Amino acid sequence: MFVGRWVQDSVTTDNYGFGAYTLNGKAYEETVIQHFRKEYQGQKIRMTLELVNDTIIQVYHPCDSAGRPVTEISSVEKYVRIR
């Protein structure tokens, strides 16, 4: 599940969604159940996740069926735990 909001060019967009997922090693696959963009509902999202100390590194959609990112159109998000 994720919930958030972002502002770009003075336009505010709510950002939320959740789904059912599996994690096999670093390969993450989620079937989207609810999403603020309705066209994502029912879609499968694949990415790789890596935990390094206090940081989760998420290489995001799309990934191939083996969980490897398609680098020419991938994005990377890093989340650092705040203590």
PDB file of N, CA and C in Angstrom:
ATOM      1  N   MET A   1       0.840  -1.169   0.000  1.00  0.00           N
ATOM      2  CA  MET A   1       0.000   0.000   0.000  1.00  0.00           C
ATOM      3  C   MET A   1       0.884   1.230   0.000  1.00  0.00           C
ATOM      4  N   PHE A   2       0.461   2.230  -0.743  1.00  0.00           N
ATOM      5  CA  PHE A   2       1.149   3.509  -0.707  1.00  0.00           C
ATOM      6  C   PHE A   2       0.119   4.628  -0.745  1.00  0.00           C
ATOM      7  N   VAL A   3       0.469   5.712  -0.079  1.00  0.00           N
ATOM      8  CA  VAL A   3      -0.397   6.882  -0.021  1.00  0.00           C
ATOM      9  C   VAL A   3       0.498   8.101  -0.058  1.00  0.00           C
ATOM     10  N   GLY A   4       0.147   9.061  -0.851  1.00  0.00           N
ATOM     11  CA  GLY A   4       0.951  10.273  -0.912  1.00  0.00           C
ATOM     12  C   GLY A   4       0.267  11.331  -1.753  1.00  0.00           C
ATOM     13  N   ARG A   5       0.988  12.397  -1.983  1.00  0.00           N
ATOM     14  CA  ARG A   5       0.495  13.523  -2.763  1.00  0.00           C
ATOM     15  C   ARG A   5       1.704  14.232  -3.338  1.00  0.00           C
ATOM     16  N   TRP A   6       1.608  14.688  -4.566  1.00  0.00           N
ATOM     17  CA  TRP A   6       2.684  15.484  -5.114  1.00  0.00           C
ATOM     18  C   TRP A   6       2.124  16.698  -5.822  1.00  0.00           C
ATOM     19  N   VAL A   7       2.977  17.721  -5.928  1.00  0.00           N
ATOM     20  CA  VAL A   7       2.609  18.970  -6.593  1.00  0.00           C
ATOM     21  C   VAL A   7       3.595  19.199  -7.721  1.00  0.00           C
ATOM     22  N   GLN A   8       3.052  19.418  -8.908  1.00  0.00           N
ATOM     23  CA  GLN A   8       3.891  19.714 -10.066  1.00  0.00           C
ATOM     24  C   GLN A   8       3.216  20.833 -10.849  1.00  0.00           C
ATOM     25  N   ASP A   9       3.951  21.891 -11.085  1.00  0.00           N
ATOM     26  CA  ASP A   9       3.405  23.050 -11.811  1.00  0.00           C
ATOM     27  C   ASP A   9       2.097  23.525 -11.203  1.00  0.00           C
ATOM     28  N   SER A  10       2.050  23.624  -9.894  1.00  0.00           N
ATOM     29  CA  SER A  10       0.919  24.082  -9.090  1.00  0.00           C
ATOM     30  C   SER A  10      -0.330  23.183  -9.196  1.00  0.00           C
ATOM     31  N   VAL A  11      -0.158  21.957  -9.703  1.00  0.00           N
ATOM     32  CA  VAL A  11      -1.252  20.990  -9.743  1.00  0.00           C
ATOM     33  C   VAL A  11      -0.979  19.913  -8.695  1.00  0.00           C
ATOM     34  N   THR A  12      -1.921  19.699  -7.780  1.00  0.00           N
ATOM     35  CA  THR A  12      -1.778  18.701  -6.728  1.00  0.00           C
ATOM     36  C   THR A  12      -2.470  17.414  -7.159  1.00  0.00           C
ATOM     37  N   THR A  13      -1.752  16.290  -7.011  1.00  0.00           N
ATOM     38  CA  THR A  13      -2.291  14.977  -7.384  1.00  0.00           C
ATOM     39  C   THR A  13      -2.187  14.037  -6.198  1.00  0.00           C
ATOM     40  N   ASP A  14      -3.312  13.403  -5.850  1.00  0.00           N
ATOM     41  CA  ASP A  14      -3.276  12.361  -4.827  1.00  0.00           C
ATOM     42  C   ASP A  14      -2.711  11.096  -5.453  1.00  0.00           C
ATOM     43  N   ASN A  15      -1.939  10.338  -4.680  1.00  0.00           N
ATOM     44  CA  ASN A  15      -1.248   9.152  -5.161  1.00  0.00           C
ATOM     45  C   ASN A  15      -1.491   8.036  -4.159  1.00  0.00           C
ATOM     46  N   TYR A  16      -2.233   6.997  -4.578  1.00  0.00           N
ATOM     47  CA  TYR A  16      -2.535   5.904  -3.651  1.00  0.00           C
ATOM     48  C   TYR A  16      -2.784   4.619  -4.431  1.00  0.00           C
ATOM     49  N   GLY A  17      -2.591   3.512  -3.742  1.00  0.00           N
ATOM     50  CA  GLY A  17      -2.890   2.228  -4.348  1.00  0.00           C
ATOM     51  C   GLY A  17      -2.439   1.081  -3.459  1.00  0.00           C
ATOM     52  N   PHE A  18      -2.890  -0.123  -3.826  1.00  0.00           N
ATOM     53  CA  PHE A  18      -2.451  -1.323  -3.128  1.00  0.00           C
ATOM     54  C   PHE A  18      -2.739  -2.530  -4.004  1.00  0.00           C
ATOM     55  N   GLY A  19      -2.138  -3.651  -3.624  1.00  0.00           N
ATOM     56  CA  GLY A  19      -2.367  -4.878  -4.370  1.00  0.00           C
ATOM     57  C   GLY A  19      -1.855  -6.087  -3.612  1.00  0.00           C
ATOM     58  N   ALA A  20      -2.002  -7.241  -4.244  1.00  0.00           N
ATOM     59  CA  ALA A  20      -1.472  -8.497  -3.714  1.00  0.00           C
ATOM     60  C   ALA A  20      -0.111  -8.725  -4.363  1.00  0.00           C
ATOM     61  N   TYR A  21       0.874  -9.202  -3.585  1.00  0.00           N
ATOM     62  CA  TYR A  21       2.217  -9.320  -4.146  1.00  0.00           C
ATOM     63  C   TYR A  21       2.879 -10.632  -3.756  1.00  0.00           C
ATOM     64  N   THR A  22       3.924 -10.947  -4.522  1.00  0.00           N
ATOM     65  CA  THR A  22       4.837 -12.038  -4.174  1.00  0.00           C
ATOM     66  C   THR A  22       6.248 -11.479  -4.246  1.00  0.00           C
ATOM     67  N   LEU A  23       7.114 -12.025  -3.409  1.00  0.00           N
ATOM     68  CA  LEU A  23       8.516 -11.638  -3.395  1.00  0.00           C
ATOM     69  C   LEU A  23       9.334 -12.910  -3.413  1.00  0.00           C
ATOM     70  N   ASN A  24      10.154 -13.067  -4.452  1.00  0.00           N
ATOM     71  CA  ASN A  24      10.998 -14.238  -4.615  1.00  0.00           C
ATOM     72  C   ASN A  24      12.431 -13.739  -4.769  1.00  0.00           C
ATOM     73  N   GLY A  25      13.193 -13.779  -3.672  1.00  0.00           N
ATOM     74  CA  GLY A  25      14.527 -13.168  -3.702  1.00  0.00           C
ATOM     75  C   GLY A  25      14.370 -11.666  -3.844  1.00  0.00           C
ATOM     76  N   LYS A  26      14.919 -11.099  -4.928  1.00  0.00           N
ATOM     77  CA  LYS A  26      14.790  -9.666  -5.197  1.00  0.00           C
ATOM     78  C   LYS A  26      13.656  -9.358  -6.160  1.00  0.00           C
ATOM     79  N   ALA A  27      13.026 -10.394  -6.720  1.00  0.00           N
ATOM     80  CA  ALA A  27      11.971 -10.198  -7.713  1.00  0.00           C
ATOM     81  C   ALA A  27      10.620  -9.993  -7.023  1.00  0.00           C
ATOM     82  N   TYR A  28      10.023  -8.847  -7.256  1.00  0.00           N
ATOM     83  CA  TYR A  28       8.737  -8.458  -6.666  1.00  0.00           C
ATOM     84  C   TYR A  28       7.716  -8.395  -7.800  1.00  0.00           C
ATOM     85  N   GLU A  29       6.550  -8.965  -7.572  1.00  0.00           N
ATOM     86  CA  GLU A  29       5.459  -8.869  -8.549  1.00  0.00           C
ATOM     87  C   GLU A  29       4.181  -8.555  -7.801  1.00  0.00           C
ATOM     88  N   GLU A  30       3.494  -7.553  -8.275  1.00  0.00           N
ATOM     89  CA  GLU A  30       2.254  -7.121  -7.630  1.00  0.00           C
ATOM     90  C   GLU A  30       1.119  -7.105  -8.645  1.00  0.00           C
ATOM     91  N   THR A  31      -0.032  -7.604  -8.230  1.00  0.00           N
ATOM     92  CA  THR A  31      -1.256  -7.441  -9.002  1.00  0.00           C
ATOM     93  C   THR A  31      -2.014  -6.287  -8.362  1.00  0.00           C
ATOM     94  N   VAL A  32      -2.181  -5.211  -9.105  1.00  0.00           N
ATOM     95  CA  VAL A  32      -2.787  -3.991  -8.573  1.00  0.00           C
ATOM     96  C   VAL A  32      -4.281  -4.212  -8.374  1.00  0.00           C
ATOM     97  N   ILE A  33      -4.751  -3.963  -7.153  1.00  0.00           N
ATOM     98  CA  ILE A  33      -6.173  -4.086  -6.828  1.00  0.00           C
ATOM     99  C   ILE A  33      -6.850  -2.725  -6.895  1.00  0.00           C
ATOM    100  N   GLN A  34      -6.252  -1.732  -6.261  1.00  0.00           N
ATOM    101  CA  GLN A  34      -6.803  -0.372  -6.243  1.00  0.00           C
ATOM    102  C   GLN A  34      -5.679   0.595  -6.584  1.00  0.00           C
ATOM    103  N   HIS A  35      -5.969   1.605  -7.397  1.00  0.00           N
ATOM    104  CA  HIS A  35      -4.964   2.595  -7.791  1.00  0.00           C
ATOM    105  C   HIS A  35      -5.676   3.874  -8.176  1.00  0.00           C
ATOM    106  N   PHE A  36      -5.031   5.009  -7.926  1.00  0.00           N
ATOM    107  CA  PHE A  36      -5.666   6.286  -8.260  1.00  0.00           C
ATOM    108  C   PHE A  36      -5.838   6.449  -9.766  1.00  0.00           C
ATOM    109  N   ARG A  37      -5.030   5.743 -10.554  1.00  0.00           N
ATOM    110  CA  ARG A  37      -5.221   5.705 -12.009  1.00  0.00           C
ATOM    111  C   ARG A  37      -5.896   4.373 -12.348  1.00  0.00           C
ATOM    112  N   LYS A  38      -7.150   4.424 -12.665  1.00  0.00           N
ATOM    113  CA  LYS A  38      -7.973   3.220 -12.822  1.00  0.00           C
ATOM    114  C   LYS A  38      -7.402   2.230 -13.836  1.00  0.00           C
ATOM    115  N   GLU A  39      -6.660   2.701 -14.843  1.00  0.00           N
ATOM    116  CA  GLU A  39      -6.116   1.793 -15.856  1.00  0.00           C
ATOM    117  C   GLU A  39      -5.051   0.844 -15.299  1.00  0.00           C
ATOM    118  N   TYR A  40      -4.511   1.128 -14.117  1.00  0.00           N
ATOM    119  CA  TYR A  40      -3.547   0.227 -13.482  1.00  0.00           C
ATOM    120  C   TYR A  40      -4.221  -0.938 -12.758  1.00  0.00           C
ATOM    121  N   GLN A  41      -5.497  -0.817 -12.429  1.00  0.00           N
ATOM    122  CA  GLN A  41      -6.183  -1.862 -11.682  1.00  0.00           C
ATOM    123  C   GLN A  41      -6.214  -3.155 -12.497  1.00  0.00           C
ATOM    124  N   GLY A  42      -5.806  -4.247 -11.857  1.00  0.00           N
ATOM    125  CA  GLY A  42      -5.742  -5.545 -12.511  1.00  0.00           C
ATOM    126  C   GLY A  42      -4.421  -5.812 -13.226  1.00  0.00           C
ATOM    127  N   GLN A  43      -3.556  -4.812 -13.340  1.00  0.00           N
ATOM    128  CA  GLN A  43      -2.272  -4.974 -14.019  1.00  0.00           C
ATOM    129  C   GLN A  43      -1.257  -5.637 -13.099  1.00  0.00           C
ATOM    130  N   LYS A  44      -0.285  -6.301 -13.686  1.00  0.00           N
ATOM    131  CA  LYS A  44       0.849  -6.855 -12.935  1.00  0.00           C
ATOM    132  C   LYS A  44       2.020  -5.893 -13.063  1.00  0.00           C
ATOM    133  N   ILE A  45       2.644  -5.602 -11.941  1.00  0.00           N
ATOM    134  CA  ILE A  45       3.815  -4.730 -11.908  1.00  0.00           C
ATOM    135  C   ILE A  45       4.977  -5.558 -11.397  1.00  0.00           C
ATOM    136  N   ARG A  46       6.079  -5.518 -12.115  1.00  0.00           N
ATOM    137  CA  ARG A  46       7.274  -6.249 -11.695  1.00  0.00           C
ATOM    138  C   ARG A  46       8.394  -5.254 -11.421  1.00  0.00           C
ATOM    139  N   MET A  47       9.160  -5.545 -10.390  1.00  0.00           N
ATOM    140  CA  MET A  47      10.322  -4.717 -10.069  1.00  0.00           C
ATOM    141  C   MET A  47      11.289  -5.554  -9.258  1.00  0.00           C
ATOM    142  N   THR A  48      12.462  -4.993  -9.042  1.00  0.00           N
ATOM    143  CA  THR A  48      13.411  -5.634  -8.142  1.00  0.00           C
ATOM    144  C   THR A  48      13.519  -4.773  -6.892  1.00  0.00           C
ATOM    145  N   LEU A  49      13.654  -5.430  -5.752  1.00  0.00           N
ATOM    146  CA  LEU A  49      13.822  -4.757  -4.468  1.00  0.00           C
ATOM    147  C   LEU A  49      15.118  -5.236  -3.846  1.00  0.00           C
ATOM    148  N   GLU A  50      15.840  -4.318  -3.258  1.00  0.00           N
ATOM    149  CA  GLU A  50      17.071  -4.684  -2.561  1.00  0.00           C
ATOM    150  C   GLU A  50      17.140  -3.897  -1.269  1.00  0.00           C
ATOM    151  N   LEU A  51      17.458  -4.580  -0.184  1.00  0.00           N
ATOM    152  CA  LEU A  51      17.626  -3.939   1.112  1.00  0.00           C
ATOM    153  C   LEU A  51      19.114  -3.847   1.407  1.00  0.00           C
ATOM    154  N   VAL A  52      19.614  -2.618   1.559  1.00  0.00           N
ATOM    155  CA  VAL A  52      21.022  -2.378   1.863  1.00  0.00           C
ATOM    156  C   VAL A  52      21.068  -1.533   3.131  1.00  0.00           C
ATOM    157  N   ASN A  53      21.455  -2.174   4.238  1.00  0.00           N
ATOM    158  CA  ASN A  53      21.469  -1.510   5.545  1.00  0.00           C
ATOM    159  C   ASN A  53      20.097  -0.924   5.845  1.00  0.00           C
ATOM    160  N   ASP A  54      19.974   0.405   5.898  1.00  0.00           N
ATOM    161  CA  ASP A  54      18.706   1.046   6.234  1.00  0.00           C
ATOM    162  C   ASP A  54      17.995   1.613   5.003  1.00  0.00           C
ATOM    163  N   THR A  55      18.344   1.118   3.812  1.00  0.00           N
ATOM    164  CA  THR A  55      17.797   1.657   2.569  1.00  0.00           C
ATOM    165  C   THR A  55      17.157   0.554   1.724  1.00  0.00           C
ATOM    166  N   ILE A  56      15.963   0.823   1.238  1.00  0.00           N
ATOM    167  CA  ILE A  56      15.328  -0.051   0.252  1.00  0.00           C
ATOM    168  C   ILE A  56      15.523   0.599  -1.103  1.00  0.00           C
ATOM    169  N   ILE A  57      16.068  -0.170  -2.040  1.00  0.00           N
ATOM    170  CA  ILE A  57      16.265   0.304  -3.411  1.00  0.00           C
ATOM    171  C   ILE A  57      15.276  -0.446  -4.285  1.00  0.00           C
ATOM    172  N   GLN A  58      14.439   0.307  -4.960  1.00  0.00           N
ATOM    173  CA  GLN A  58      13.360  -0.252  -5.765  1.00  0.00           C
ATOM    174  C   GLN A  58      13.604   0.136  -7.222  1.00  0.00           C
ATOM    175  N   VAL A  59      13.891  -0.845  -8.069  1.00  0.00           N
ATOM    176  CA  VAL A  59      14.022  -0.605  -9.500  1.00  0.00           C
ATOM    177  C   VAL A  59      12.675  -0.956 -10.099  1.00  0.00           C
ATOM    178  N   TYR A  60      12.005   0.060 -10.603  1.00  0.00           N
ATOM    179  CA  TYR A  60      10.580  -0.034 -10.883  1.00  0.00           C
ATOM    180  C   TYR A  60      10.264  -0.347 -12.327  1.00  0.00           C
ATOM    181  N   HIS A  61       9.139  -0.895 -12.498  1.00  0.00           N
ATOM    182  CA  HIS A  61       8.436  -1.251 -13.712  1.00  0.00           C
ATOM    183  C   HIS A  61       8.997  -0.535 -14.923  1.00  0.00           C
ATOM    184  N   PRO A  62       9.169  -1.221 -16.015  1.00  0.00           N
ATOM    185  CA  PRO A  62       8.888  -2.633 -16.196  1.00  0.00           C
ATOM    186  C   PRO A  62      10.116  -3.499 -15.957  1.00  0.00           C
ATOM    187  N   CYS A  63       9.877  -4.709 -15.561  1.00  0.00           N
ATOM    188  CA  CYS A  63      10.910  -5.726 -15.457  1.00  0.00           C
ATOM    189  C   CYS A  63      10.482  -6.890 -16.337  1.00  0.00           C
ATOM    190  N   ASP A  64      11.443  -7.669 -16.784  1.00  0.00           N
ATOM    191  CA  ASP A  64      11.074  -8.848 -17.560  1.00  0.00           C
ATOM    192  C   ASP A  64      10.539  -9.933 -16.632  1.00  0.00           C
ATOM    193  N   SER A  65      10.155 -11.055 -17.184  1.00  0.00           N
ATOM    194  CA  SER A  65       9.524 -12.100 -16.377  1.00  0.00           C
ATOM    195  C   SER A  65      10.457 -12.704 -15.337  1.00  0.00           C
ATOM    196  N   ALA A  66      11.782 -12.492 -15.483  1.00  0.00           N
ATOM    197  CA  ALA A  66      12.746 -12.985 -14.498  1.00  0.00           C
ATOM    198  C   ALA A  66      13.033 -11.940 -13.420  1.00  0.00           C
ATOM    199  N   GLY A  67      12.364 -10.773 -13.490  1.00  0.00           N
ATOM    200  CA  GLY A  67      12.561  -9.737 -12.488  1.00  0.00           C
ATOM    201  C   GLY A  67      13.688  -8.782 -12.802  1.00  0.00           C
ATOM    202  N   ARG A  68      14.294  -8.884 -13.982  1.00  0.00           N
ATOM    203  CA  ARG A  68      15.381  -7.978 -14.368  1.00  0.00           C
ATOM    204  C   ARG A  68      14.794  -6.708 -14.981  1.00  0.00           C
ATOM    205  N   PRO A  69      15.298  -5.529 -14.584  1.00  0.00           N
ATOM    206  CA  PRO A  69      14.732  -4.282 -15.104  1.00  0.00           C
ATOM    207  C   PRO A  69      15.045  -4.076 -16.584  1.00  0.00           C
ATOM    208  N   VAL A  70      14.091  -3.480 -17.279  1.00  0.00           N
ATOM    209  CA  VAL A  70      14.298  -3.033 -18.653  1.00  0.00           C
ATOM    210  C   VAL A  70      14.874  -1.627 -18.528  1.00  0.00           C
ATOM    211  N   THR A  71      16.204  -1.520 -18.583  1.00  0.00           N
ATOM    212  CA  THR A  71      16.899  -0.309 -18.142  1.00  0.00           C
ATOM    213  C   THR A  71      16.591   0.940 -18.957  1.00  0.00           C
ATOM    214  N   GLU A  72      16.255   0.813 -20.220  1.00  0.00           N
ATOM    215  CA  GLU A  72      16.024   2.023 -21.010  1.00  0.00           C
ATOM    216  C   GLU A  72      14.761   2.775 -20.603  1.00  0.00           C
ATOM    217  N   ILE A  73      13.868   2.135 -19.853  1.00  0.00           N
ATOM    218  CA  ILE A  73      12.658   2.832 -19.403  1.00  0.00           C
ATOM    219  C   ILE A  73      12.373   2.593 -17.923  1.00  0.00           C
ATOM    220  N   SER A  74      13.394   2.283 -17.151  1.00  0.00           N
ATOM    221  CA  SER A  74      13.230   2.019 -15.718  1.00  0.00           C
ATOM    222  C   SER A  74      13.408   3.283 -14.901  1.00  0.00           C
ATOM    223  N   SER A  75      12.939   3.211 -13.668  1.00  0.00           N
ATOM    224  CA  SER A  75      13.210   4.280 -12.707  1.00  0.00           C
ATOM    225  C   SER A  75      13.682   3.621 -11.420  1.00  0.00           C
ATOM    226  N   VAL A  76      14.401   4.386 -10.619  1.00  0.00           N
ATOM    227  CA  VAL A  76      14.921   3.884  -9.353  1.00  0.00           C
ATOM    228  C   VAL A  76      14.426   4.788  -8.243  1.00  0.00           C
ATOM    229  N   GLU A  77      13.911   4.171  -7.180  1.00  0.00           N
ATOM    230  CA  GLU A  77      13.507   4.909  -5.986  1.00  0.00           C
ATOM    231  C   GLU A  77      14.269   4.346  -4.815  1.00  0.00           C
ATOM    232  N   LYS A  78      14.734   5.227  -3.929  1.00  0.00           N
ATOM    233  CA  LYS A  78      15.445   4.812  -2.727  1.00  0.00           C
ATOM    234  C   LYS A  78      14.726   5.384  -1.533  1.00  0.00           C
ATOM    235  N   TYR A  79      14.473   4.506  -0.559  1.00  0.00           N
ATOM    236  CA  TYR A  79      13.812   4.905   0.681  1.00  0.00           C
ATOM    237  C   TYR A  79      14.745   4.608   1.824  1.00  0.00           C
ATOM    238  N   VAL A  80      15.111   5.643   2.578  1.00  0.00           N
ATOM    239  CA  VAL A  80      16.042   5.507   3.699  1.00  0.00           C
ATOM    240  C   VAL A  80      15.266   5.639   4.997  1.00  0.00           C
ATOM    241  N   ARG A  81      15.498   4.691   5.879  1.00  0.00           N
ATOM    242  CA  ARG A  81      14.840   4.708   7.184  1.00  0.00           C
ATOM    243  C   ARG A  81      15.349   5.893   7.991  1.00  0.00           C
ATOM    244  N   ILE A  82      14.439   6.620   8.589  1.00  0.00           N
ATOM    245  CA  ILE A  82      14.790   7.739   9.464  1.00  0.00           C
ATOM    246  C   ILE A  82      14.606   7.270  10.884  1.00  0.00           C
ATOM    247  N   ARG A  83      15.636   7.402  11.660  1.00  0.00           N
ATOM    248  CA  ARG A  83      15.584   6.915  13.041  1.00  0.00           C
ATOM    249  C   ARG A  83      15.207   7.985  14.003  1.00  0.00           C
TER     250      ARG A  83
END
